[in-house]
C-alpha atoms as a PDB file:
ATOM      1  CA  UNK A   1      48.521 -58.070 -37.996  1.00  0.00           C
ATOM      2  CA  UNK A   2      49.164 -62.123 -38.081  1.00  0.00           C
ATOM      3  CA  UNK A   3      49.793 -63.792 -41.233  1.00  0.00           C
ATOM      4  CA  UNK A   4      46.878 -65.922 -41.503  1.00  0.00           C
ATOM      5  CA  UNK A   5      44.803 -62.265 -40.900  1.00  0.00           C
ATOM      6  CA  UNK A   6      46.578 -61.216 -43.708  1.00  0.00           C
ATOM      7  CA  UNK A   7      45.136 -63.597 -45.393  1.00  0.00           C
ATOM      8  CA  UNK A   8      41.789 -64.311 -44.299  1.00  0.00           C
ATOM      9  CA  UNK A   9      41.735 -60.848 -45.409  1.00  0.00           C
ATOM     10  CA  UNK A  10      43.049 -60.936 -49.036  1.00  0.00           C
ATOM     11  CA  UNK A  11      40.245 -63.874 -49.719  1.00  0.00           C
ATOM     12  CA  UNK A  12      37.468 -61.098 -47.797  1.00  0.00           C
ATOM     13  CA  UNK A  13      38.719 -58.354 -50.537  1.00  0.00           C
ATOM     14  CA  UNK A  14      38.736 -60.340 -53.314  1.00  0.00           C
ATOM     15  CA  UNK A  15      35.129 -61.979 -52.727  1.00  0.00           C
ATOM     16  CA  UNK A  16      34.049 -58.500 -52.634  1.00  0.00           C
ATOM     17  CA  UNK A  17      36.298 -56.652 -55.191  1.00  0.00           C
ATOM     18  CA  UNK A  18      34.072 -57.446 -59.105  1.00  0.00           C
ATOM     19  CA  UNK A  19      35.646 -59.617 -61.600  1.00  0.00           C
ATOM     20  CA  UNK A  20      37.741 -57.411 -64.761  1.00  0.00           C
ATOM     21  CA  UNK A  21      37.117 -58.343 -68.207  1.00  0.00           C
ATOM     22  CA  UNK A  22      40.028 -59.902 -69.479  1.00  0.00           C
ATOM     23  CA  UNK A  23      39.285 -58.419 -72.890  1.00  0.00           C
ATOM     24  CA  UNK A  24      38.284 -54.604 -72.555  1.00  0.00           C
ATOM     25  CA  UNK A  25      39.186 -54.214 -68.855  1.00  0.00           C
ATOM     26  CA  UNK A  26      35.790 -52.882 -67.578  1.00  0.00           C
ATOM     27  CA  UNK A  27      34.194 -54.365 -64.045  1.00  0.00           C
ATOM     28  CA  UNK A  28      31.967 -57.346 -64.416  1.00  0.00           C
ATOM     29  CA  UNK A  29      29.284 -56.427 -61.997  1.00  0.00           C
ATOM     30  CA  UNK A  30      27.706 -59.519 -60.145  1.00  0.00           C
ATOM     31  CA  UNK A  31      24.126 -59.936 -62.498  1.00  0.00           C
ATOM     32  CA  UNK A  32      25.835 -60.056 -65.551  1.00  0.00           C
ATOM     33  CA  UNK A  33      26.033 -63.268 -67.706  1.00  0.00           C
ATOM     34  CA  UNK A  34      30.038 -62.584 -67.737  1.00  0.00           C
ATOM     35  CA  UNK A  35      32.353 -66.172 -68.366  1.00  0.00           C
ATOM     36  CA  UNK A  36      35.141 -67.328 -66.120  1.00  0.00           C
ATOM     37  CA  UNK A  37      37.281 -69.951 -67.080  1.00  0.00           C
ATOM     38  CA  UNK A  38      40.792 -71.092 -66.812  1.00  0.00           C
ATOM     39  CA  UNK A  39      43.258 -70.140 -69.838  1.00  0.00           C
ATOM     40  CA  UNK A  40      43.140 -73.140 -72.410  1.00  0.00           C
ATOM     41  CA  UNK A  41      46.863 -73.496 -73.422  1.00  0.00           C
ATOM     42  CA  UNK A  42      48.631 -73.031 -69.750  1.00  0.00           C
ATOM     43  CA  UNK A  43      45.424 -73.311 -67.972  1.00  0.00           C
ATOM     44  CA  UNK A  44      47.243 -71.073 -65.166  1.00  0.00           C
ATOM     45  CA  UNK A  45      45.466 -67.635 -65.721  1.00  0.00           C
ATOM     46  CA  UNK A  46      41.402 -67.608 -65.505  1.00  0.00           C
ATOM     47  CA  UNK A  47      39.984 -65.393 -67.796  1.00  0.00           C
ATOM     48  CA  UNK A  48      36.574 -63.258 -67.282  1.00  0.00           C
ATOM     49  CA  UNK A  49      35.030 -62.333 -70.094  1.00  0.00           C
ATOM     50  CA  UNK A  50      31.774 -59.829 -69.622  1.00  0.00           C
ATOM     51  CA  UNK A  51      28.669 -60.181 -72.163  1.00  0.00           C
ATOM     52  CA  UNK A  52      29.207 -57.851 -74.490  1.00  0.00           C
ATOM     53  CA  UNK A  53      33.024 -58.784 -75.340  1.00  0.00           C
ATOM     54  CA  UNK A  54      31.493 -62.493 -76.249  1.00  0.00           C
ATOM     55  CA  UNK A  55      29.083 -61.223 -77.420  1.00  0.00           C
ATOM     56  CA  UNK A  56      31.132 -59.515 -80.307  1.00  0.00           C
ATOM     57  CA  UNK A  57      33.566 -62.064 -79.835  1.00  0.00           C
ATOM     58  CA  UNK A  58      36.809 -59.702 -79.043  1.00  0.00           C
ATOM     59  CA  UNK A  59      39.682 -60.786 -78.037  1.00  0.00           C
ATOM     60  CA  UNK A  60      41.774 -62.091 -75.095  1.00  0.00           C
ATOM     61  CA  UNK A  61      45.375 -62.122 -74.332  1.00  0.00           C
ATOM     62  CA  UNK A  62      46.960 -64.680 -70.848  1.00  0.00           C
ATOM     63  CA  UNK A  63      49.245 -62.240 -69.365  1.00  0.00           C
ATOM     64  CA  UNK A  64      50.829 -65.747 -68.842  1.00  0.00           C
ATOM     65  CA  UNK A  65      51.433 -67.810 -72.260  1.00  0.00           C
ATOM     66  CA  UNK A  66      50.707 -65.148 -74.697  1.00  0.00           C
ATOM     67  CA  UNK A  67      47.829 -66.910 -76.038  1.00  0.00           C
ATOM     68  CA  UNK A  68      45.140 -65.308 -77.829  1.00  0.00           C
ATOM     69  CA  UNK A  69      41.275 -66.583 -78.153  1.00  0.00           C
ATOM     70  CA  UNK A  70      38.063 -65.475 -79.344  1.00  0.00           C
END
């Protein structure tokens, strides 16, 4: 398989796979009102939060810089 084909396939798989909540680790379904934002400290990692963790203000931790937020 050519490199271009592998990159295209990886992009398709990434769009099909639902995001994972950075706080609780569960999959966020497409219709759930989750939120995504880049780490406020380093700006490199995309943080996903599910509706429940946002409502309960559970902490998340950036795997890149270790920043913890509510």
